[in-house]
């Protein structure tokens, strides 16, 4: 979300870490809110096809960001 522009423009490695951490937080919140009696809203949500597609793309973002950090020497420190 808020790290899309810095990541696309390649501003700094820190923004990749922010993107990875933020996306992991979104995935965790989504997973927690699927269970009934969860601490966030107290009720369970359904898992739809669209939600699963979004989660797959979020995991893909994390994987691609890690690959970029490991392999791209142009990413600034």
Protein backbone atom coordinates (compact mmCIF):
# COMPACT_ATOMS: atom_id res chain seq x y z
CA UNK A 1 0.00 0.00 0.00
CA UNK A 2 2.13 2.90 1.23
CA UNK A 3 5.38 1.29 0.01
CA UNK A 4 4.35 0.78 -3.63
CA UNK A 5 5.88 4.01 -5.00
CA UNK A 6 9.19 3.76 -3.09
CA UNK A 7 9.54 0.10 -4.06
CA UNK A 8 8.74 0.75 -7.73
CA UNK A 9 11.17 3.64 -7.87
CA UNK A 10 13.87 1.72 -5.98
CA UNK A 11 14.49 4.39 -3.38
CA UNK A 12 16.18 2.32 -0.70
CA UNK A 13 16.45 -1.20 0.73
CA UNK A 14 14.58 -0.09 3.82
CA UNK A 15 11.39 0.30 1.75
CA UNK A 16 11.61 -3.31 0.63
CA UNK A 17 11.77 -4.36 4.28
CA UNK A 18 8.82 -2.09 5.11
CA UNK A 19 6.88 -3.65 2.24
CA UNK A 20 7.68 -7.19 3.36
CA UNK A 21 6.82 -6.46 6.99
CA UNK A 22 3.62 -4.60 6.16
CA UNK A 23 2.43 -7.33 3.82
CA UNK A 24 3.18 -10.00 6.42
CA UNK A 25 1.16 -8.00 8.95
CA UNK A 26 -1.79 -7.80 6.53
CA UNK A 27 -1.64 -11.56 5.93
CA UNK A 28 -1.53 -12.22 9.67
CA UNK A 29 -4.49 -9.94 10.36
CA UNK A 30 -6.45 -11.59 7.53
CA UNK A 31 -5.67 -15.07 8.88
CA UNK A 32 -6.61 -14.14 12.46
CA UNK A 33 -9.95 -12.68 11.39
CA UNK A 34 -10.98 -15.92 9.65
CA UNK A 35 -11.38 -17.76 12.99
CA UNK A 36 -14.48 -17.43 15.14
CA UNK A 37 -13.89 -15.84 18.52
CA UNK A 38 -10.79 -14.01 17.27
CA UNK A 39 -9.36 -11.16 19.38
CA UNK A 40 -9.86 -8.50 16.69
CA UNK A 41 -13.59 -8.53 16.00
CA UNK A 42 -14.88 -11.60 17.86
CA UNK A 43 -16.43 -13.32 14.87
CA UNK A 44 -15.09 -15.38 12.01
CA UNK A 45 -15.13 -14.32 8.40
CA UNK A 46 -15.61 -16.34 5.29
CA UNK A 47 -12.84 -17.18 2.86
CA UNK A 48 -13.87 -16.26 -0.66
CA UNK A 49 -12.15 -16.78 -4.00
CA UNK A 50 -11.20 -13.11 -4.25
CA UNK A 51 -9.67 -13.14 -0.77
CA UNK A 52 -7.56 -16.18 -1.62
CA UNK A 53 -6.35 -14.53 -4.84
CA UNK A 54 -5.32 -11.42 -2.93
CA UNK A 55 -3.43 -13.50 -0.37
CA UNK A 56 -1.61 -15.36 -3.16
CA UNK A 57 -0.53 -12.05 -4.70
CA UNK A 58 0.63 -10.79 -1.29
CA UNK A 59 2.78 -13.90 -0.81
CA UNK A 60 4.13 -13.41 -4.34
CA UNK A 61 5.04 -9.81 -3.46
CA UNK A 62 6.96 -11.00 -0.42
CA UNK A 63 8.82 -13.64 -2.46
CA UNK A 64 9.68 -11.22 -5.26
CA UNK A 65 10.87 -8.57 -2.81
CA UNK A 66 13.16 -11.08 -1.12
CA UNK A 67 14.53 -12.18 -4.50
CA UNK A 68 15.16 -8.56 -5.48
CA UNK A 69 16.94 -7.86 -2.20
CA UNK A 70 19.15 -10.94 -2.58
CA UNK A 71 20.02 -10.67 -6.26
CA UNK A 72 19.82 -7.08 -7.46
CA UNK A 73 23.03 -5.14 -6.82
CA UNK A 74 21.34 -1.93 -7.99
CA UNK A 75 19.12 -1.78 -4.93
CA UNK A 76 20.66 0.98 -2.84
CA UNK A 77 21.66 0.44 0.78
